[in-house]
Amino acid sequence: MDQLSPQELKTLMGYLIEQINERGGIPIKTQLVKILYLVDLEHYRSRKKTLTGLPWIFYHYGPYTSELEPIISSLGIADIESATFFNKKGNRGFTYTGGFNSQDETESDFTRKFKNHTKLIIDRILDQWALEDLWILLDYVYYETEPMRDVKRGELLDFTKVTNIEQPIYQKAINIDSVTLTNLKKRLLQNKKGKVEQRIPSPPPLDDIYDEALAIMNSEERRN
């Protein structure tokens, strides 16, 4: 399986950051990693190979690959005062800036490096998840994606489990009022909670290990 070069990965991650920002979201490391995993998932669904070629493993609460670390570390972190956040354990994390942190790196570079079909997949995933609550995103990748089924922590994820049932890339916009949308979302969450109780595997406890996992994924040390 071909793997994207470090520069191609950096261009892709820069695009994700830029597009989350443009949609009004606040990109953080955990979100970026999980969205990239979903990009690989949907690319495999339609092309029988992942886009990045990265080795994803089950790490704490979901898919992760350590090979992203140098790429993410090279991306721009937003101003320390305006974009620092703390989780309930007091662990510090950072959000990211516009994504393309070089004058030579622009969105046009992204469109030249990635085919239109790939861009459509990426944009569709961003439309769905860029502004979604992080816990819902984590729940989805943990419970609803095929490579996460019947896998143990530390094991490689098997993308051959992915079915070929592809959601349509083009989706017709539906006008819906905010009250109806809120009610639908509440019903969706209620249904998901009901299904969670019937699932095998049970979710990991929200304990110190869980908090440490989020801290590891989100923390970025600023180095001179």
N, C-alpha and C. Protein backbone atom coordinates (compact mmCIF):
# COMPACT_ATOMS: atom_id res chain seq x y z
N MET A 1 0.84 -1.19 0.00
CA MET A 1 0.00 0.00 0.00
C MET A 1 0.88 1.25 0.00
N ASP A 2 0.63 2.14 -0.94
CA ASP A 2 1.41 3.37 -1.01
C ASP A 2 1.09 4.27 0.17
N GLN A 3 2.11 4.95 0.66
CA GLN A 3 1.92 5.87 1.77
C GLN A 3 2.26 7.28 1.31
N LEU A 4 1.46 8.24 1.76
CA LEU A 4 1.73 9.63 1.41
C LEU A 4 3.07 10.06 1.98
N SER A 5 3.74 10.92 1.27
CA SER A 5 5.00 11.46 1.77
C SER A 5 4.72 12.41 2.92
N PRO A 6 5.73 12.71 3.75
CA PRO A 6 5.53 13.68 4.83
C PRO A 6 4.99 15.01 4.34
N GLN A 7 5.46 15.48 3.18
CA GLN A 7 4.98 16.75 2.67
C GLN A 7 3.53 16.66 2.23
N GLU A 8 3.14 15.53 1.63
CA GLU A 8 1.74 15.34 1.24
C GLU A 8 0.84 15.26 2.47
N LEU A 9 1.32 14.58 3.51
CA LEU A 9 0.55 14.51 4.76
C LEU A 9 0.39 15.89 5.38
N LYS A 10 1.45 16.67 5.33
CA LYS A 10 1.40 18.03 5.88
C LYS A 10 0.41 18.89 5.10
N THR A 11 0.40 18.74 3.77
CA THR A 11 -0.56 19.48 2.95
C THR A 11 -1.98 19.07 3.29
N LEU A 12 -2.21 17.77 3.46
CA LEU A 12 -3.54 17.27 3.80
C LEU A 12 -3.99 17.76 5.16
N MET A 13 -3.10 17.67 6.17
CA MET A 13 -3.46 18.14 7.50
C MET A 13 -3.69 19.65 7.50
N GLY A 14 -2.88 20.37 6.73
CA GLY A 14 -3.09 21.81 6.63
C GLY A 14 -4.45 22.14 6.06
N TYR A 15 -4.88 21.36 5.08
CA TYR A 15 -6.21 21.58 4.50
C TYR A 15 -7.30 21.31 5.52
N LEU A 16 -7.16 20.23 6.30
CA LEU A 16 -8.16 19.93 7.32
C LEU A 16 -8.27 21.07 8.33
N ILE A 17 -7.13 21.57 8.79
CA ILE A 17 -7.12 22.67 9.76
C ILE A 17 -7.78 23.92 9.17
N GLU A 18 -7.38 24.25 7.96
CA GLU A 18 -7.92 25.45 7.32
C GLU A 18 -9.43 25.36 7.14
N GLN A 19 -9.90 24.19 6.71
CA GLN A 19 -11.32 24.03 6.45
C GLN A 19 -12.14 23.98 7.73
N ILE A 20 -11.61 23.40 8.80
CA ILE A 20 -12.32 23.43 10.09
C ILE A 20 -12.44 24.87 10.57
N ASN A 21 -11.36 25.62 10.45
CA ASN A 21 -11.40 27.04 10.83
C ASN A 21 -12.41 27.80 9.99
N GLU A 22 -12.42 27.58 8.69
CA GLU A 22 -13.33 28.30 7.81
C GLU A 22 -14.79 27.98 8.10
N ARG A 23 -15.05 26.76 8.59
CA ARG A 23 -16.41 26.38 8.92
C ARG A 23 -16.83 26.90 10.29
N GLY A 24 -15.89 27.56 10.98
CA GLY A 24 -16.21 28.11 12.30
C GLY A 24 -15.87 27.18 13.44
N GLY A 25 -15.12 26.12 13.17
CA GLY A 25 -14.73 25.19 14.21
C GLY A 25 -13.42 25.57 14.86
N ILE A 26 -13.03 24.79 15.86
CA ILE A 26 -11.76 24.99 16.57
C ILE A 26 -10.99 23.68 16.48
N PRO A 27 -10.05 23.58 15.55
CA PRO A 27 -9.34 22.31 15.35
C PRO A 27 -8.39 21.98 16.50
N ILE A 28 -8.52 20.78 17.04
CA ILE A 28 -7.60 20.28 18.05
C ILE A 28 -7.06 18.93 17.58
N LYS A 29 -6.03 18.48 18.23
CA LYS A 29 -5.31 17.31 17.75
C LYS A 29 -6.19 16.06 17.67
N THR A 30 -6.93 15.77 18.72
CA THR A 30 -7.78 14.58 18.72
C THR A 30 -8.74 14.60 17.56
N GLN A 31 -9.38 15.74 17.34
CA GLN A 31 -10.34 15.87 16.24
C GLN A 31 -9.66 15.64 14.88
N LEU A 32 -8.48 16.24 14.69
CA LEU A 32 -7.77 16.10 13.43
C LEU A 32 -7.42 14.64 13.14
N VAL A 33 -6.93 13.94 14.16
CA VAL A 33 -6.55 12.54 13.98
C VAL A 33 -7.76 11.69 13.61
N LYS A 34 -8.87 11.90 14.30
CA LYS A 34 -10.06 11.09 14.04
C LYS A 34 -10.66 11.41 12.67
N ILE A 35 -10.65 12.67 12.27
CA ILE A 35 -11.18 13.03 10.95
C ILE A 35 -10.31 12.44 9.86
N LEU A 36 -8.99 12.45 10.05
CA LEU A 36 -8.11 11.84 9.05
C LEU A 36 -8.36 10.34 8.96
N TYR A 37 -8.61 9.71 10.09
CA TYR A 37 -8.97 8.28 10.08
C TYR A 37 -10.23 8.05 9.26
N LEU A 38 -11.24 8.91 9.42
CA LEU A 38 -12.48 8.76 8.66
C LEU A 38 -12.24 8.98 7.17
N VAL A 39 -11.30 9.86 6.83
CA VAL A 39 -10.92 10.05 5.43
C VAL A 39 -10.35 8.74 4.87
N ASP A 40 -9.44 8.12 5.61
CA ASP A 40 -8.89 6.83 5.18
C ASP A 40 -9.98 5.78 5.06
N LEU A 41 -10.90 5.78 6.00
CA LEU A 41 -11.99 4.80 6.01
C LEU A 41 -12.83 4.92 4.75
N GLU A 42 -13.28 6.14 4.45
CA GLU A 42 -14.16 6.33 3.30
C GLU A 42 -13.41 6.18 1.98
N HIS A 43 -12.14 6.53 1.97
CA HIS A 43 -11.33 6.31 0.76
C HIS A 43 -11.20 4.82 0.50
N TYR A 44 -11.00 4.04 1.55
CA TYR A 44 -10.93 2.59 1.39
C TYR A 44 -12.27 2.03 0.91
N ARG A 45 -13.34 2.60 1.39
CA ARG A 45 -14.67 2.12 1.01
C ARG A 45 -14.89 2.21 -0.49
N SER A 46 -14.36 3.25 -1.11
CA SER A 46 -14.59 3.46 -2.53
C SER A 46 -13.43 3.03 -3.42
N ARG A 47 -12.20 2.97 -2.84
CA ARG A 47 -11.03 2.66 -3.66
C ARG A 47 -10.28 1.40 -3.21
N LYS A 48 -10.74 0.76 -2.16
CA LYS A 48 -10.11 -0.45 -1.62
C LYS A 48 -8.67 -0.22 -1.17
N LYS A 49 -8.37 1.00 -0.82
CA LYS A 49 -7.10 1.32 -0.18
C LYS A 49 -7.27 2.63 0.56
N THR A 50 -6.52 2.79 1.64
CA THR A 50 -6.61 4.06 2.37
C THR A 50 -5.88 5.14 1.60
N LEU A 51 -6.21 6.38 1.90
CA LEU A 51 -5.55 7.49 1.22
C LEU A 51 -4.13 7.66 1.71
N THR A 52 -3.93 7.63 3.04
CA THR A 52 -2.63 7.95 3.61
C THR A 52 -1.66 6.79 3.61
N GLY A 53 -2.19 5.55 3.71
CA GLY A 53 -1.32 4.39 3.86
C GLY A 53 -0.72 4.25 5.24
N LEU A 54 -1.21 5.04 6.20
CA LEU A 54 -0.67 5.02 7.55
C LEU A 54 -1.11 3.78 8.32
N PRO A 55 -0.28 3.26 9.23
CA PRO A 55 -0.66 2.11 10.06
C PRO A 55 -1.47 2.57 11.26
N TRP A 56 -2.78 2.43 11.20
CA TRP A 56 -3.65 2.83 12.31
C TRP A 56 -3.73 1.70 13.33
N ILE A 57 -3.70 2.05 14.62
CA ILE A 57 -3.86 1.08 15.69
C ILE A 57 -4.98 1.53 16.62
N PHE A 58 -5.45 0.58 17.45
CA PHE A 58 -6.41 0.90 18.50
C PHE A 58 -5.59 1.38 19.69
N TYR A 59 -5.65 2.69 19.93
CA TYR A 59 -4.86 3.30 21.00
C TYR A 59 -5.80 3.99 21.96
N HIS A 60 -5.93 3.47 23.16
CA HIS A 60 -6.86 4.02 24.16
C HIS A 60 -8.26 4.10 23.59
N TYR A 61 -8.72 5.30 23.25
CA TYR A 61 -10.14 5.45 22.87
C TYR A 61 -10.29 5.61 21.36
N GLY A 62 -9.66 4.76 20.59
CA GLY A 62 -9.94 4.80 19.17
C GLY A 62 -8.70 4.76 18.29
N PRO A 63 -8.88 5.01 16.97
CA PRO A 63 -7.80 4.91 16.00
C PRO A 63 -6.73 5.98 16.22
N TYR A 64 -5.49 5.57 16.03
CA TYR A 64 -4.37 6.49 16.22
C TYR A 64 -3.17 5.96 15.44
N THR A 65 -2.32 6.86 14.97
CA THR A 65 -1.07 6.47 14.34
C THR A 65 0.04 7.43 14.77
N SER A 66 1.10 6.89 15.31
CA SER A 66 2.19 7.73 15.81
C SER A 66 2.93 8.44 14.69
N GLU A 67 2.78 7.97 13.46
CA GLU A 67 3.50 8.57 12.34
C GLU A 67 3.00 9.98 12.02
N LEU A 68 1.88 10.35 12.60
CA LEU A 68 1.39 11.71 12.41
C LEU A 68 2.08 12.73 13.32
N GLU A 69 2.74 12.24 14.38
CA GLU A 69 3.29 13.15 15.38
C GLU A 69 4.23 14.21 14.79
N PRO A 70 5.23 13.83 13.98
CA PRO A 70 6.11 14.88 13.44
C PRO A 70 5.39 15.83 12.51
N ILE A 71 4.35 15.33 11.82
CA ILE A 71 3.58 16.20 10.92
C ILE A 71 2.80 17.23 11.72
N ILE A 72 2.09 16.77 12.74
CA ILE A 72 1.28 17.68 13.55
C ILE A 72 2.17 18.66 14.30
N SER A 73 3.31 18.18 14.76
CA SER A 73 4.23 19.07 15.49
C SER A 73 4.75 20.20 14.62
N SER A 74 4.79 19.98 13.31
CA SER A 74 5.32 20.99 12.40
C SER A 74 4.27 22.02 11.99
N LEU A 75 3.00 21.77 12.36
CA LEU A 75 1.93 22.69 11.99
C LEU A 75 1.84 23.83 12.99
N GLY A 76 1.28 24.94 12.54
CA GLY A 76 1.21 26.12 13.40
C GLY A 76 0.22 25.99 14.53
N ILE A 77 0.68 26.30 15.75
CA ILE A 77 -0.21 26.34 16.91
C ILE A 77 -0.67 27.78 17.10
N ALA A 78 -1.94 27.95 17.39
CA ALA A 78 -2.47 29.30 17.58
C ALA A 78 -1.83 29.97 18.78
N ASP A 79 -2.00 31.27 18.88
CA ASP A 79 -1.42 32.05 19.97
C ASP A 79 -1.73 31.43 21.32
N ILE A 80 -0.71 31.30 22.14
CA ILE A 80 -0.82 30.56 23.40
C ILE A 80 -1.90 31.12 24.33
N GLU A 81 -2.09 32.42 24.33
CA GLU A 81 -3.08 33.02 25.22
C GLU A 81 -4.49 32.86 24.70
N SER A 82 -4.66 32.91 23.38
CA SER A 82 -6.01 32.90 22.81
C SER A 82 -6.53 31.51 22.52
N ALA A 83 -5.66 30.51 22.49
CA ALA A 83 -6.12 29.20 22.04
C ALA A 83 -5.67 28.05 22.93
N THR A 84 -5.38 28.31 24.18
CA THR A 84 -5.05 27.25 25.11
C THR A 84 -6.32 26.81 25.84
N PHE A 85 -6.48 25.52 26.00
CA PHE A 85 -7.63 25.03 26.76
C PHE A 85 -7.15 23.96 27.73
N PHE A 86 -7.98 23.68 28.75
CA PHE A 86 -7.63 22.69 29.76
C PHE A 86 -8.79 21.70 29.89
N ASN A 87 -8.47 20.41 30.01
CA ASN A 87 -9.53 19.46 30.27
C ASN A 87 -9.82 19.42 31.77
N LYS A 88 -10.71 18.53 32.17
CA LYS A 88 -11.16 18.55 33.57
C LYS A 88 -10.05 18.16 34.55
N LYS A 89 -8.98 17.54 34.03
CA LYS A 89 -7.84 17.19 34.88
C LYS A 89 -6.79 18.29 34.91
N GLY A 90 -7.06 19.37 34.17
CA GLY A 90 -6.11 20.47 34.14
C GLY A 90 -4.99 20.31 33.14
N ASN A 91 -5.10 19.29 32.25
CA ASN A 91 -4.09 19.10 31.22
C ASN A 91 -4.30 20.09 30.09
N ARG A 92 -3.19 20.66 29.61
CA ARG A 92 -3.28 21.72 28.62
C ARG A 92 -3.22 21.18 27.20
N GLY A 93 -4.02 21.77 26.32
CA GLY A 93 -3.99 21.45 24.90
C GLY A 93 -4.03 22.73 24.10
N PHE A 94 -3.81 22.62 22.79
CA PHE A 94 -3.77 23.80 21.94
C PHE A 94 -4.62 23.58 20.70
N THR A 95 -5.14 24.67 20.17
CA THR A 95 -5.80 24.64 18.88
C THR A 95 -4.81 25.09 17.82
N TYR A 96 -5.22 24.94 16.57
CA TYR A 96 -4.30 25.20 15.47
C TYR A 96 -4.77 26.38 14.62
N THR A 97 -3.81 26.99 13.94
CA THR A 97 -4.08 28.17 13.13
C THR A 97 -4.56 27.77 11.75
N GLY A 98 -4.39 28.64 10.79
CA GLY A 98 -4.98 28.47 9.47
C GLY A 98 -4.57 27.26 8.69
N GLY A 99 -3.57 26.53 9.12
CA GLY A 99 -3.24 25.28 8.47
C GLY A 99 -2.04 25.37 7.55
N PHE A 100 -2.12 26.17 6.50
CA PHE A 100 -0.99 26.31 5.59
C PHE A 100 -0.08 27.38 6.15
N ASN A 101 1.01 26.97 6.80
CA ASN A 101 1.88 27.90 7.51
C ASN A 101 3.11 28.30 6.71
N SER A 102 3.08 28.08 5.41
CA SER A 102 4.15 28.52 4.54
C SER A 102 3.56 29.34 3.40
N GLN A 103 4.26 30.38 2.98
CA GLN A 103 3.77 31.20 1.88
C GLN A 103 3.70 30.40 0.59
N ASP A 104 4.47 29.33 0.51
CA ASP A 104 4.48 28.51 -0.70
C ASP A 104 3.41 27.43 -0.67
N GLU A 105 2.76 27.26 0.47
CA GLU A 105 1.77 26.19 0.64
C GLU A 105 0.38 26.82 0.68
N THR A 106 -0.45 26.52 -0.30
CA THR A 106 -1.77 27.11 -0.39
C THR A 106 -2.80 26.02 -0.69
N GLU A 107 -4.07 26.40 -0.70
CA GLU A 107 -5.11 25.43 -1.01
C GLU A 107 -4.96 24.91 -2.43
N SER A 108 -4.42 25.72 -3.33
CA SER A 108 -4.21 25.26 -4.70
C SER A 108 -3.21 24.11 -4.74
N ASP A 109 -2.23 24.10 -3.80
CA ASP A 109 -1.30 22.98 -3.72
C ASP A 109 -2.04 21.70 -3.35
N PHE A 110 -3.03 21.85 -2.48
CA PHE A 110 -3.82 20.69 -2.09
C PHE A 110 -4.58 20.13 -3.28
N THR A 111 -5.23 21.01 -4.04
CA THR A 111 -6.02 20.54 -5.19
C THR A 111 -5.15 19.93 -6.27
N ARG A 112 -3.90 20.36 -6.38
CA ARG A 112 -3.00 19.76 -7.36
C ARG A 112 -2.54 18.38 -6.92
N LYS A 113 -2.39 18.18 -5.62
CA LYS A 113 -1.85 16.92 -5.12
C LYS A 113 -2.91 15.84 -4.94
N PHE A 114 -4.17 16.24 -4.75
CA PHE A 114 -5.22 15.27 -4.47
C PHE A 114 -6.33 15.35 -5.52
N LYS A 115 -6.77 14.20 -5.97
CA LYS A 115 -7.77 14.12 -7.02
C LYS A 115 -9.11 14.68 -6.53
N ASN A 116 -9.95 15.05 -7.51
CA ASN A 116 -11.23 15.66 -7.18
C ASN A 116 -12.10 14.73 -6.35
N HIS A 117 -12.10 13.43 -6.68
CA HIS A 117 -12.90 12.47 -5.92
C HIS A 117 -12.46 12.44 -4.46
N THR A 118 -11.15 12.50 -4.24
CA THR A 118 -10.62 12.51 -2.88
C THR A 118 -11.05 13.76 -2.14
N LYS A 119 -11.00 14.90 -2.82
CA LYS A 119 -11.42 16.16 -2.20
C LYS A 119 -12.89 16.11 -1.82
N LEU A 120 -13.70 15.50 -2.66
CA LEU A 120 -15.13 15.39 -2.35
C LEU A 120 -15.36 14.56 -1.09
N ILE A 121 -14.61 13.47 -0.95
CA ILE A 121 -14.71 12.64 0.25
C ILE A 121 -14.31 13.45 1.48
N ILE A 122 -13.17 14.14 1.38
CA ILE A 122 -12.67 14.92 2.51
C ILE A 122 -13.66 16.02 2.90
N ASP A 123 -14.17 16.74 1.91
CA ASP A 123 -15.10 17.83 2.20
C ASP A 123 -16.40 17.32 2.80
N ARG A 124 -16.85 16.16 2.34
CA ARG A 124 -18.08 15.60 2.91
C ARG A 124 -17.89 15.25 4.38
N ILE A 125 -16.74 14.66 4.71
CA ILE A 125 -16.45 14.32 6.10
C ILE A 125 -16.33 15.58 6.95
N LEU A 126 -15.68 16.60 6.41
CA LEU A 126 -15.57 17.87 7.13
C LEU A 126 -16.94 18.50 7.36
N ASP A 127 -17.80 18.44 6.34
CA ASP A 127 -19.15 19.00 6.49
C ASP A 127 -19.90 18.31 7.63
N GLN A 128 -19.67 17.01 7.79
CA GLN A 128 -20.38 16.25 8.81
C GLN A 128 -19.77 16.40 10.20
N TRP A 129 -18.44 16.49 10.29
CA TRP A 129 -17.78 16.37 11.58
C TRP A 129 -17.03 17.59 12.07
N ALA A 130 -16.79 18.57 11.23
CA ALA A 130 -15.96 19.72 11.64
C ALA A 130 -16.53 20.46 12.84
N LEU A 131 -17.85 20.56 12.92
CA LEU A 131 -18.50 21.31 14.00
C LEU A 131 -19.19 20.41 15.00
N GLU A 132 -19.02 19.11 14.86
CA GLU A 132 -19.69 18.17 15.77
C GLU A 132 -18.96 18.12 17.11
N ASP A 133 -19.72 17.81 18.15
CA ASP A 133 -19.14 17.64 19.48
C ASP A 133 -18.08 16.54 19.46
N LEU A 134 -16.94 16.78 20.11
CA LEU A 134 -15.84 15.83 20.09
C LEU A 134 -16.25 14.47 20.63
N TRP A 135 -17.08 14.45 21.66
CA TRP A 135 -17.47 13.17 22.27
C TRP A 135 -18.32 12.35 21.30
N ILE A 136 -19.14 13.01 20.49
CA ILE A 136 -19.94 12.29 19.49
C ILE A 136 -19.02 11.72 18.41
N LEU A 137 -18.02 12.50 18.01
CA LEU A 137 -17.04 12.01 17.04
C LEU A 137 -16.29 10.79 17.58
N LEU A 138 -15.83 10.87 18.83
CA LEU A 138 -15.13 9.74 19.44
C LEU A 138 -16.03 8.51 19.53
N ASP A 139 -17.27 8.73 19.90
CA ASP A 139 -18.24 7.64 20.00
C ASP A 139 -18.43 6.98 18.64
N TYR A 140 -18.52 7.80 17.61
CA TYR A 140 -18.77 7.27 16.27
C TYR A 140 -17.60 6.41 15.80
N VAL A 141 -16.37 6.92 15.90
CA VAL A 141 -15.25 6.16 15.38
C VAL A 141 -15.02 4.89 16.21
N TYR A 142 -15.36 4.94 17.48
CA TYR A 142 -15.14 3.79 18.36
C TYR A 142 -16.16 2.69 18.10
N TYR A 143 -17.43 3.07 17.94
CA TYR A 143 -18.50 2.09 17.85
C TYR A 143 -18.97 1.78 16.43
N GLU A 144 -18.91 2.75 15.54
CA GLU A 144 -19.60 2.62 14.27
C GLU A 144 -18.70 2.31 13.07
N THR A 145 -17.40 2.32 13.23
CA THR A 145 -16.53 2.08 12.08
C THR A 145 -16.00 0.65 12.11
N GLU A 146 -16.03 0.01 10.96
CA GLU A 146 -15.75 -1.42 10.88
C GLU A 146 -14.37 -1.84 11.40
N PRO A 147 -13.28 -1.12 11.10
CA PRO A 147 -11.97 -1.58 11.59
C PRO A 147 -11.85 -1.63 13.11
N MET A 148 -12.73 -0.93 13.83
CA MET A 148 -12.66 -0.93 15.29
C MET A 148 -13.40 -2.12 15.92
N ARG A 149 -14.03 -2.93 15.11
CA ARG A 149 -14.78 -4.07 15.65
C ARG A 149 -13.85 -5.23 15.97
N ASP A 150 -14.02 -5.79 17.13
CA ASP A 150 -13.28 -6.98 17.56
C ASP A 150 -11.77 -6.78 17.50
N VAL A 151 -11.30 -5.60 17.85
CA VAL A 151 -9.87 -5.34 17.87
C VAL A 151 -9.45 -5.03 19.30
N LYS A 152 -8.26 -5.44 19.67
CA LYS A 152 -7.75 -5.19 21.01
C LYS A 152 -6.81 -4.00 20.99
N ARG A 153 -6.68 -3.37 22.15
CA ARG A 153 -5.79 -2.21 22.24
C ARG A 153 -4.37 -2.57 21.81
N GLY A 154 -3.80 -1.69 20.98
CA GLY A 154 -2.45 -1.91 20.49
C GLY A 154 -2.38 -2.65 19.17
N GLU A 155 -3.48 -3.25 18.74
CA GLU A 155 -3.48 -4.00 17.49
C GLU A 155 -3.70 -3.07 16.30
N LEU A 156 -3.18 -3.49 15.15
CA LEU A 156 -3.41 -2.76 13.90
C LEU A 156 -4.87 -2.89 13.49
N LEU A 157 -5.42 -1.84 12.94
CA LEU A 157 -6.79 -1.88 12.45
C LEU A 157 -6.82 -2.51 11.05
N ASP A 158 -7.81 -3.35 10.82
CA ASP A 158 -7.94 -4.09 9.56
C ASP A 158 -9.00 -3.42 8.69
N PHE A 159 -8.55 -2.71 7.67
CA PHE A 159 -9.48 -2.00 6.81
C PHE A 159 -10.21 -2.92 5.82
N THR A 160 -9.79 -4.17 5.73
CA THR A 160 -10.52 -5.09 4.86
C THR A 160 -11.91 -5.40 5.42
N LYS A 161 -12.16 -5.02 6.67
CA LYS A 161 -13.48 -5.19 7.25
C LYS A 161 -14.48 -4.18 6.71
N VAL A 162 -13.97 -3.13 6.06
CA VAL A 162 -14.84 -2.05 5.58
C VAL A 162 -15.71 -2.58 4.45
N THR A 163 -17.02 -2.34 4.54
CA THR A 163 -17.93 -2.77 3.49
C THR A 163 -17.85 -1.81 2.31
N ASN A 164 -18.41 -2.23 1.18
CA ASN A 164 -18.38 -1.38 -0.01
C ASN A 164 -19.65 -0.53 -0.14
N ILE A 165 -20.39 -0.44 0.94
CA ILE A 165 -21.61 0.39 0.93
C ILE A 165 -21.18 1.83 1.16
N GLU A 166 -21.14 2.61 0.10
CA GLU A 166 -20.64 3.98 0.18
C GLU A 166 -21.80 4.96 0.25
N GLN A 167 -21.74 5.89 1.20
CA GLN A 167 -22.72 6.95 1.27
C GLN A 167 -22.51 7.88 0.08
N PRO A 168 -23.58 8.41 -0.50
CA PRO A 168 -23.42 9.30 -1.65
C PRO A 168 -22.59 10.52 -1.31
N ILE A 169 -21.66 10.87 -2.20
CA ILE A 169 -20.81 12.03 -1.97
C ILE A 169 -21.62 13.31 -2.08
N TYR A 170 -22.53 13.35 -3.05
CA TYR A 170 -23.37 14.53 -3.22
C TYR A 170 -24.65 14.34 -2.43
N GLN A 171 -24.91 15.25 -1.54
CA GLN A 171 -26.12 15.17 -0.73
C GLN A 171 -26.95 16.43 -0.95
N LYS A 172 -28.23 16.22 -1.23
CA LYS A 172 -29.11 17.35 -1.47
C LYS A 172 -29.37 18.10 -0.18
N ALA A 173 -29.20 19.40 -0.23
CA ALA A 173 -29.42 20.22 0.96
C ALA A 173 -30.89 20.22 1.34
N ILE A 174 -31.16 20.12 2.62
CA ILE A 174 -32.53 20.11 3.13
C ILE A 174 -32.72 21.30 4.05
N ASN A 175 -33.73 22.10 3.76
CA ASN A 175 -34.04 23.23 4.63
C ASN A 175 -34.82 22.73 5.83
N ILE A 176 -34.31 23.00 7.01
CA ILE A 176 -34.95 22.53 8.22
C ILE A 176 -34.77 23.58 9.30
N ASP A 177 -35.82 23.83 10.06
CA ASP A 177 -35.73 24.86 11.08
C ASP A 177 -34.92 24.36 12.27
N SER A 178 -34.41 25.31 13.05
CA SER A 178 -33.49 24.99 14.14
C SER A 178 -34.16 24.15 15.23
N VAL A 179 -35.45 24.38 15.49
CA VAL A 179 -36.15 23.62 16.53
C VAL A 179 -36.26 22.15 16.13
N THR A 180 -36.64 21.91 14.89
CA THR A 180 -36.75 20.53 14.40
C THR A 180 -35.40 19.85 14.40
N LEU A 181 -34.37 20.57 13.98
CA LEU A 181 -33.03 20.02 13.96
C LEU A 181 -32.57 19.64 15.36
N THR A 182 -32.85 20.50 16.34
CA THR A 182 -32.47 20.22 17.72
C THR A 182 -33.18 18.97 18.23
N ASN A 183 -34.47 18.84 17.94
CA ASN A 183 -35.24 17.68 18.37
C ASN A 183 -34.73 16.39 17.73
N LEU A 184 -34.38 16.48 16.44
CA LEU A 184 -33.85 15.31 15.74
C LEU A 184 -32.53 14.87 16.36
N LYS A 185 -31.70 15.86 16.70
CA LYS A 185 -30.40 15.54 17.28
C LYS A 185 -30.56 14.88 18.65
N LYS A 186 -31.53 15.37 19.45
CA LYS A 186 -31.79 14.76 20.75
C LYS A 186 -32.24 13.31 20.59
N ARG A 187 -33.12 13.08 19.61
CA ARG A 187 -33.60 11.72 19.38
C ARG A 187 -32.47 10.81 18.93
N LEU A 188 -31.58 11.36 18.08
CA LEU A 188 -30.44 10.58 17.62
C LEU A 188 -29.55 10.16 18.79
N LEU A 189 -29.27 11.12 19.69
CA LEU A 189 -28.43 10.81 20.85
C LEU A 189 -29.09 9.80 21.77
N GLN A 190 -30.42 9.91 21.93
CA GLN A 190 -31.14 8.95 22.76
C GLN A 190 -31.06 7.55 22.17
N ASN A 191 -31.22 7.47 20.83
CA ASN A 191 -31.13 6.18 20.17
C ASN A 191 -29.74 5.58 20.30
N LYS A 192 -28.72 6.46 20.17
CA LYS A 192 -27.34 5.99 20.28
C LYS A 192 -27.06 5.45 21.68
N LYS A 193 -27.62 6.15 22.71
CA LYS A 193 -27.41 5.69 24.08
C LYS A 193 -28.04 4.32 24.28
N GLY A 194 -29.23 4.11 23.67
CA GLY A 194 -29.88 2.81 23.79
C GLY A 194 -29.08 1.71 23.14
N LYS A 195 -28.48 2.02 22.00
CA LYS A 195 -27.68 1.02 21.29
C LYS A 195 -26.38 0.72 22.02
N VAL A 196 -25.82 1.75 22.67
CA VAL A 196 -24.55 1.55 23.37
C VAL A 196 -24.67 0.45 24.41
N GLU A 197 -25.83 0.39 25.09
CA GLU A 197 -26.01 -0.59 26.16
C GLU A 197 -25.99 -2.02 25.61
N GLN A 198 -26.31 -2.18 24.30
CA GLN A 198 -26.37 -3.51 23.72
C GLN A 198 -25.07 -3.90 23.04
N ARG A 199 -24.13 -2.97 22.93
CA ARG A 199 -22.92 -3.22 22.18
C ARG A 199 -21.94 -4.08 22.96
N ILE A 200 -21.19 -4.84 22.19
CA ILE A 200 -20.03 -5.58 22.69
C ILE A 200 -18.87 -4.98 22.03
N PRO A 201 -17.99 -4.19 22.07
CA PRO A 201 -17.34 -4.06 23.37
C PRO A 201 -17.92 -2.93 24.20
N SER A 202 -17.75 -3.08 25.52
CA SER A 202 -18.20 -2.00 26.38
C SER A 202 -17.21 -0.85 26.30
N PRO A 203 -17.69 0.40 26.49
CA PRO A 203 -16.78 1.54 26.40
C PRO A 203 -15.79 1.56 27.55
N PRO A 204 -14.61 2.11 27.34
CA PRO A 204 -13.65 2.21 28.43
C PRO A 204 -14.15 3.16 29.49
N PRO A 205 -13.77 2.97 30.75
CA PRO A 205 -14.24 3.85 31.81
C PRO A 205 -13.66 5.25 31.64
N LEU A 206 -14.45 6.25 32.00
CA LEU A 206 -13.98 7.64 31.93
C LEU A 206 -13.19 7.95 33.19
N ASP A 207 -12.03 7.35 33.28
CA ASP A 207 -11.21 7.47 34.48
C ASP A 207 -9.90 8.18 34.16
N ASP A 208 -8.91 8.04 35.03
CA ASP A 208 -7.63 8.71 34.81
C ASP A 208 -6.97 8.27 33.51
N ILE A 209 -7.09 6.98 33.16
CA ILE A 209 -6.48 6.49 31.93
C ILE A 209 -7.09 7.19 30.72
N TYR A 210 -8.42 7.36 30.77
CA TYR A 210 -9.10 8.03 29.66
C TYR A 210 -8.65 9.47 29.54
N ASP A 211 -8.57 10.18 30.66
CA ASP A 211 -8.13 11.57 30.64
C ASP A 211 -6.69 11.68 30.15
N GLU A 212 -5.86 10.74 30.60
CA GLU A 212 -4.47 10.78 30.16
C GLU A 212 -4.36 10.54 28.67
N ALA A 213 -5.24 9.68 28.13
CA ALA A 213 -5.22 9.41 26.69
C ALA A 213 -5.54 10.68 25.91
N LEU A 214 -6.56 11.40 26.35
CA LEU A 214 -6.91 12.66 25.68
C LEU A 214 -5.79 13.67 25.83
N ALA A 215 -5.17 13.69 27.00
CA ALA A 215 -4.08 14.65 27.21
C ALA A 215 -2.92 14.34 26.28
N ILE A 216 -2.59 13.05 26.12
CA ILE A 216 -1.50 12.66 25.24
C ILE A 216 -1.79 13.08 23.81
N MET A 217 -3.04 12.88 23.37
CA MET A 217 -3.40 13.19 21.99
C MET A 217 -3.48 14.68 21.73
N ASN A 218 -3.87 15.45 22.74
CA ASN A 218 -4.12 16.87 22.53
C ASN A 218 -2.94 17.77 22.88
N SER A 219 -2.07 17.32 23.78
CA SER A 219 -1.00 18.19 24.26
C SER A 219 0.05 18.40 23.20
N GLU A 220 0.56 19.60 23.14
CA GLU A 220 1.65 19.94 22.25
C GLU A 220 2.63 20.81 23.03
N GLU A 221 3.87 20.38 23.17
CA GLU A 221 4.87 21.16 23.88
C GLU A 221 5.49 22.17 22.93
N ARG A 222 5.50 23.43 23.33
CA ARG A 222 6.13 24.48 22.53
C ARG A 222 7.64 24.45 22.79
N ARG A 223 8.40 24.29 21.72
CA ARG A 223 9.85 24.20 21.87
C ARG A 223 10.52 25.34 21.12
N ASN A 224 11.60 25.85 21.69
CA ASN A 224 12.35 26.93 21.04
C ASN A 224 13.26 26.35 19.95
